[in-house]
Amino acid sequence: MQVSRFLLNSIKDPCKRFTPPKCFHSVSCMRSARKTNDQPLLTGPSPRTPTSKSWKSYILPGAVLGGFGGLILFLHYNDERRAIPKGQGEKFERSANQGPIIGGPFSLVDTEGHLVTERNLLGNWVLLYFGYTSSPDVGPAEVQKMAKTIDILESKQDQKILPVFVTIDPQRDTPSHLRAYLKEFDPRIMGLTGPVAAVRQMTQEYRVYFKKVDEEGDDYLVESSHNMYLVNPKMEVVRCFGVEYSGEELADAIVKELKKPET
């Protein structure tokens, strides 16, 4: 009966589930109490009654089973407490109407050495890309796609978008080096660079992943997320595009965003 009450109480009240120290302490107390009560009987031989044998043979397995069941319930209860309901984890969205919490203030320099902040871009639709001039394959393809998208938007849709290239490798991408690189693709693309700390701050604001790899002295590659961001005239990110978009697909998606009514 004691075992069944223990199991029943463990199931009814999850907050008072099995705690190994208390359970084994209670069993040891019962055993030591039994030993204390039986101490006078050690002076002479005494036959063991069938009742005591039955009690000893069932109480330990029952306690073990009860403890195992209580432990499972305890772990399940902890898992439920640790579980994060949907919408309560790390939040990257303000709301369905306000859009994502991506972007923020920055202070960099352009290819002419002029200071550029987010305030200088207000009033323009901006196509923003984070890359670096030493990228062997994906980087040049993305810059070429950006130039092609701008051509499609201006020639076929009569839409003007300001393309902005922000380097994630400011140690090597100086203003002059960045200017020469972007001129090979499209001189309309604005290049931004600056101190390492300033570039890192902007990449954090825009949730851009990048990491140096295969370093051999001053020679290295940079892993990056290679995303493009469409930013509205209020400097709010409204859309993020991956490398899977072609120039035509990117232009179509941007036109759809431009034609949406303002909220």
Protein backbone atom coordinates (compact mmCIF):
# COMPACT_ATOMS: atom_id res chain seq x y z
CA MET A 1 0.00 0.00 0.00
CA GLN A 2 2.87 2.41 0.71
CA VAL A 3 4.29 1.80 -2.77
CA SER A 4 0.97 2.37 -4.54
CA ARG A 5 0.42 5.61 -2.58
CA PHE A 6 3.89 6.78 -3.62
CA LEU A 7 3.17 6.08 -7.28
CA LEU A 8 -0.24 7.73 -7.07
CA ASN A 9 1.16 10.87 -5.44
CA SER A 10 3.97 11.06 -8.03
CA ILE A 11 1.48 11.02 -10.90
CA LYS A 12 -1.01 13.43 -9.33
CA ASP A 13 1.48 16.13 -8.40
CA PRO A 14 4.32 16.63 -10.95
CA CYS A 15 5.95 19.27 -8.74
CA LYS A 16 6.45 16.63 -6.01
CA ARG A 17 7.81 13.97 -8.27
CA PHE A 18 10.51 11.51 -7.41
CA THR A 19 13.67 13.00 -5.91
CA PRO A 20 16.28 10.26 -5.48
CA PRO A 21 17.94 11.55 -2.27
CA LYS A 22 14.62 11.68 -0.33
CA CYS A 23 13.40 8.32 -1.61
CA PHE A 24 16.59 6.42 -0.83
CA HIS A 25 16.90 8.28 2.47
CA SER A 26 13.43 7.12 3.48
CA VAL A 27 14.21 3.52 2.55
CA SER A 28 17.49 3.65 4.46
CA CYS A 29 15.67 5.13 7.45
CA MET A 30 13.15 2.33 7.35
CA ARG A 31 15.95 -0.16 7.16
CA SER A 32 17.94 1.42 9.99
CA ALA A 33 14.78 1.72 12.08
CA ARG A 34 14.11 -1.94 11.48
CA LYS A 35 17.65 -2.77 12.48
CA THR A 36 17.26 -0.70 15.66
CA ASN A 37 14.03 -2.46 16.56
CA ASP A 38 15.53 -5.83 15.84
CA GLN A 39 18.75 -5.15 17.82
CA PRO A 40 17.65 -6.95 21.03
CA LEU A 41 16.80 -10.03 19.00
CA LEU A 42 20.43 -10.47 17.92
CA THR A 43 21.30 -11.99 21.34
CA GLY A 44 19.74 -15.26 20.38
CA PRO A 45 18.60 -17.13 17.31
CA SER A 46 15.19 -16.16 16.08
CA PRO A 47 13.36 -17.62 13.16
CA ARG A 48 12.25 -15.13 10.48
CA THR A 49 8.56 -14.90 9.99
CA PRO A 50 7.08 -15.24 6.50
CA THR A 51 5.67 -11.70 6.82
CA SER A 52 9.10 -10.04 7.19
CA LYS A 53 10.47 -12.06 4.28
CA SER A 54 7.56 -11.01 2.09
CA TRP A 55 7.98 -7.34 3.05
CA LYS A 56 11.69 -7.32 2.23
CA SER A 57 11.25 -9.12 -1.06
CA TYR A 58 8.69 -6.59 -2.41
CA ILE A 59 9.55 -3.21 -0.93
CA LEU A 60 12.87 -2.77 -2.77
CA PRO A 61 11.60 -3.63 -6.29
CA GLY A 62 8.53 -1.48 -5.66
CA ALA A 63 10.66 1.46 -4.57
CA VAL A 64 12.89 1.06 -7.62
CA LEU A 65 9.92 0.92 -9.99
CA GLY A 66 8.30 3.87 -8.28
CA GLY A 67 11.52 5.84 -8.41
CA PHE A 68 12.00 5.03 -12.11
CA GLY A 69 8.47 6.18 -12.92
CA GLY A 70 8.92 9.34 -10.88
CA LEU A 71 12.22 10.07 -12.61
CA ILE A 72 10.58 9.78 -16.06
CA LEU A 73 7.81 12.15 -15.01
CA PHE A 74 10.36 14.57 -13.55
CA LEU A 75 12.41 14.64 -16.75
CA HIS A 76 9.29 15.10 -18.84
CA TYR A 77 8.23 18.00 -16.61
CA ASN A 78 11.66 19.62 -17.01
CA ASP A 79 11.51 19.18 -20.79
CA GLU A 80 8.14 20.92 -20.86
CA ARG A 81 9.56 23.82 -18.85
CA ARG A 82 12.59 24.11 -21.13
CA ALA A 83 10.54 23.96 -24.33
CA ILE A 84 10.10 27.38 -25.97
CA PRO A 85 6.64 27.92 -27.44
CA LYS A 86 6.43 29.22 -30.98
CA GLY A 87 6.92 32.95 -31.19
CA GLN A 88 8.79 33.19 -27.88
CA GLY A 89 12.32 32.44 -29.02
CA GLU A 90 14.83 34.88 -30.43
CA LYS A 91 12.67 37.43 -32.22
CA PHE A 92 13.72 38.86 -35.57
CA GLU A 93 10.28 40.26 -36.36
CA ARG A 94 8.43 43.15 -34.83
CA SER A 95 5.07 42.12 -36.25
CA ALA A 96 3.48 41.05 -39.49
CA ASN A 97 2.82 44.71 -40.36
CA GLN A 98 6.07 46.34 -39.27
CA GLY A 99 8.44 43.88 -40.93
CA PRO A 100 11.67 42.33 -39.68
CA ILE A 101 14.05 43.82 -37.15
CA ILE A 102 16.99 43.92 -39.57
CA GLY A 103 19.09 46.98 -40.24
CA GLY A 104 20.15 49.98 -38.23
CA PRO A 105 22.48 52.98 -38.15
CA PHE A 106 25.91 52.78 -39.73
CA SER A 107 28.81 55.08 -40.57
CA LEU A 108 31.11 54.07 -43.46
CA VAL A 109 32.96 55.74 -46.33
CA ASP A 110 32.35 55.48 -50.06
CA THR A 111 34.92 54.89 -52.81
CA GLU A 112 35.76 58.61 -52.83
CA GLY A 113 36.44 58.68 -49.11
CA HIS A 114 33.22 60.53 -48.22
CA LEU A 115 31.34 59.68 -45.04
CA VAL A 116 28.08 57.81 -45.68
CA THR A 117 25.46 57.00 -43.04
CA GLU A 118 21.97 55.55 -43.25
CA ARG A 119 20.62 59.11 -43.41
CA ASN A 120 22.29 59.65 -46.77
CA LEU A 121 20.24 56.79 -48.24
CA LEU A 122 16.84 57.93 -46.97
CA GLY A 123 14.31 58.53 -49.74
CA ASN A 124 15.77 55.83 -52.02
CA TRP A 125 14.90 52.23 -52.68
CA VAL A 126 18.17 50.42 -52.03
CA LEU A 127 19.42 47.00 -53.14
CA LEU A 128 22.06 46.14 -50.55
CA TYR A 129 24.70 43.43 -50.89
CA PHE A 130 27.52 42.39 -48.53
CA GLY A 131 30.54 40.87 -50.26
CA TYR A 132 34.26 41.28 -50.87
CA THR A 133 36.37 41.92 -53.94
CA SER A 134 38.61 38.85 -53.49
CA SER A 135 35.68 36.43 -53.70
CA PRO A 136 36.61 33.87 -56.38
CA ASP A 137 33.17 32.85 -57.64
CA VAL A 138 29.94 33.67 -55.79
CA GLY A 139 30.83 37.32 -55.13
CA PRO A 140 31.42 38.35 -58.75
CA ALA A 141 28.32 36.45 -59.86
CA GLU A 142 26.19 38.29 -57.30
CA VAL A 143 27.57 41.71 -58.27
CA GLN A 144 26.92 40.92 -61.93
CA LYS A 145 23.37 39.88 -61.03
CA MET A 146 22.89 43.13 -59.15
CA ALA A 147 24.01 45.13 -62.22
CA LYS A 148 21.70 43.13 -64.49
CA THR A 149 18.75 43.65 -62.13
CA ILE A 150 19.30 47.40 -62.14
CA ASP A 151 19.38 47.40 -65.95
CA ILE A 152 16.09 45.47 -66.15
CA LEU A 153 14.36 47.72 -63.61
CA GLU A 154 15.43 50.93 -65.35
CA SER A 155 14.97 49.86 -68.97
CA LYS A 156 11.82 47.74 -68.74
CA GLN A 157 10.07 48.88 -65.58
CA ASP A 158 11.19 52.51 -65.35
CA GLN A 159 12.12 51.93 -61.71
CA LYS A 160 15.22 53.36 -60.10
CA ILE A 161 16.97 51.38 -57.38
CA LEU A 162 20.23 52.42 -55.71
CA PRO A 163 22.64 49.45 -55.68
CA VAL A 164 25.01 49.44 -52.68
CA PHE A 165 27.93 47.07 -52.16
CA VAL A 166 29.26 46.84 -48.58
CA THR A 167 32.57 45.03 -48.17
CA ILE A 168 33.00 42.47 -45.41
CA ASP A 169 36.78 42.56 -45.94
CA PRO A 170 37.77 46.16 -45.14
CA GLN A 171 41.40 45.20 -44.46
CA ARG A 172 41.96 44.60 -48.18
CA ASP A 173 39.04 46.51 -49.76
CA THR A 174 40.24 50.11 -49.54
CA PRO A 175 38.13 52.86 -51.18
CA SER A 176 40.35 52.95 -54.28
CA HIS A 177 40.46 49.16 -54.61
CA LEU A 178 36.70 48.94 -54.19
CA ARG A 179 36.15 51.66 -56.79
CA ALA A 180 38.27 49.86 -59.39
CA TYR A 181 36.48 46.57 -58.70
CA LEU A 182 32.92 47.90 -58.98
CA LYS A 183 33.76 49.89 -62.12
CA GLU A 184 34.30 46.58 -63.91
CA PHE A 185 30.66 45.65 -63.30
CA ASP A 186 28.64 48.88 -63.15
CA PRO A 187 29.77 52.37 -62.07
CA ARG A 188 26.29 53.01 -60.66
CA ILE A 189 26.97 50.61 -57.78
CA MET A 190 27.91 52.51 -54.61
CA GLY A 191 30.77 50.90 -52.71
CA LEU A 192 31.11 51.25 -48.94
CA THR A 193 34.03 50.33 -46.70
CA GLY A 194 35.54 51.65 -43.49
CA PRO A 195 37.18 50.62 -40.22
CA VAL A 196 36.82 46.98 -39.24
CA ALA A 197 34.72 47.86 -36.17
CA ALA A 198 32.31 50.00 -38.24
CA VAL A 199 31.86 47.28 -40.87
CA ARG A 200 31.34 44.64 -38.21
CA GLN A 201 28.70 46.76 -36.51
CA MET A 202 26.75 47.12 -39.75
CA THR A 203 26.94 43.40 -40.52
CA GLN A 204 25.57 42.68 -37.07
CA GLU A 205 22.70 45.12 -37.64
CA TYR A 206 21.82 43.34 -40.88
CA ARG A 207 22.37 39.81 -39.51
CA VAL A 208 25.12 39.08 -42.03
CA TYR A 209 27.22 35.99 -41.41
CA PHE A 210 30.88 36.02 -42.47
CA LYS A 211 34.04 34.27 -41.35
CA LYS A 212 37.65 34.11 -42.53
CA VAL A 213 38.74 30.67 -43.74
CA ASP A 214 41.83 29.09 -45.34
CA GLU A 215 44.11 31.75 -43.87
CA GLU A 216 47.71 31.74 -45.05
CA GLY A 217 49.23 34.99 -43.87
CA ASP A 218 47.49 37.85 -45.68
CA ASP A 219 45.81 35.45 -48.09
CA TYR A 220 42.41 34.11 -47.05
CA LEU A 221 38.83 33.54 -48.16
CA VAL A 222 35.67 34.75 -46.45
CA GLU A 223 32.59 32.60 -45.98
CA SER A 224 29.43 34.66 -46.17
CA SER A 225 25.65 34.37 -46.38
CA HIS A 226 25.65 36.28 -49.74
CA ASN A 227 22.17 37.72 -49.21
CA MET A 228 20.78 40.84 -50.86
CA TYR A 229 18.40 43.14 -49.03
CA LEU A 230 15.73 45.35 -50.51
CA VAL A 231 15.44 48.47 -48.36
CA ASN A 232 12.58 50.95 -48.68
CA PRO A 233 12.96 54.78 -48.63
CA LYS A 234 12.57 54.72 -44.83
CA MET A 235 15.64 52.48 -44.59
CA GLU A 236 13.54 49.49 -43.55
CA VAL A 237 14.38 46.05 -44.92
CA VAL A 238 11.32 44.69 -46.71
CA ARG A 239 12.78 41.63 -48.45
CA CYS A 240 15.82 39.39 -48.39
CA PHE A 241 17.02 37.48 -51.47
CA GLY A 242 19.33 34.48 -51.64
CA VAL A 243 21.75 33.40 -54.36
CA GLU A 244 19.07 31.19 -55.97
CA TYR A 245 17.44 34.21 -57.67
CA SER A 246 18.37 35.08 -61.23
CA GLY A 247 18.55 38.68 -62.41
CA GLU A 248 15.11 38.47 -64.02
CA GLU A 249 13.53 36.83 -60.99
CA LEU A 250 15.10 39.38 -58.69
CA ALA A 251 13.78 42.26 -60.82
CA ASP A 252 10.25 40.79 -60.85
CA ALA A 253 10.26 40.32 -57.06
CA ILE A 254 11.48 43.88 -56.51
CA VAL A 255 8.77 45.32 -58.80
CA LYS A 256 6.11 43.50 -56.78
CA GLU A 257 7.43 45.06 -53.59
CA LEU A 258 7.58 48.53 -55.16
CA LYS A 259 3.96 48.27 -56.29
CA LYS A 260 2.62 47.33 -52.87
CA PRO A 261 0.61 50.10 -51.20
CA GLU A 262 2.41 51.95 -48.44
CA THR A 263 1.41 51.06 -44.89
